[in-house]
Amino acid sequence: MARRIEVTGAGGLRLAAWEFADPPKGGEGARQSGVLLLHGLMGRASHWAGAARWLSERHRAVALDQRGHGHSAKPASGPYDREAFIADAEAAIVQLGLAPAVLIGHSMGALTAWQLAARRPDLVRGLVICDMRASALGVASQREYEDWFRSWPVPFATLADVRKWFGEDDPWAEHPSQARGAFYAEVMTEGADGWRPVFDPRQMLETRATWVYDAHWEELAQVQCPTLVVRALDGDLGRAEAQEMVRVLPRGQYAEVADAGHLVHYDQPEAWRAVVQPFLDGALAL
């Protein structure tokens, strides 16, 4: 069962959140704690469906469509800065009664998660960071994304074309895979002329520009809750940086997922679960 929930984000923005599980036996009180899942840039809540289902066996797991993504509002004027994303996540935790929550974030969603954990430790009891760097990525990285968006052969005639291009033909992909093709097929919507992304690429670039030029080590060091840094061996986060993130975190732990690219939880869901579940079991027992 998938249940859609409305959340009011920063500035009154309408956000969509989802639960991908049946209520537990014994009612909502049978669950131990709340979990908020935050996708990365261009992602959507449905990318967490598999993870949310197994998490929901013991927790109330909710995935949020962040502003500009999925079924949430996409205001032309934004804002799409860090403050807005952090405030939206905070609003979701408070309005849905998830606190103190475990935050599980991928890429940009992981950055939002640790920034919120640093600012509102009363709302966060545990944190999972999936393949997100603390270092600044810089101007060249933003230019590469601009060029990459321009290379998309939109509109795509069919979803099969989407899967093939992102999974096989994308010249910008370091590690093309079937999972990558499926990931991007899930963020497309059909129009009169074919399939296009549900998001506005210009808004994605605007969103990315608010964090890509800066390093985020200081806020990482302020996170007081148990934190797991998950690195995909073929992802964006290098081993040395991941281990330095663990060192900087007051209560950091480290895990790797083999044979996985940046979309680690989508690419290798069972291996990802194998490193995350023991951490949750330990962190939530404290």
Foldseek 3Di string as FASTA:
>chain_A
DKDWDWFQFPPRWTWIKIQQEDAEPVGQVQADAEEEEEEAQLAAQVLCNVVRHVNNNHYRYMYIQFEQADPTHPDPVDDLALVRRLRRVVRCCVVVVGFLYEYEYAAVSLVSVLLNLLVCVRNHAEYEYAQYFQAAQDDVVLVVLVVQVVPDPPPDAALVSQQCCQQPNRPPDPHRHSLRSVRQSVQWDADPRHIDGPGDSVSSSSNCVNGRGHGHLVSLLSRQHAYEYEYEPAEDDDPVRSVVSQVSHPRYDYYYQYPAYSSRCSGPVVSVCVVPVVSCVVSSVD
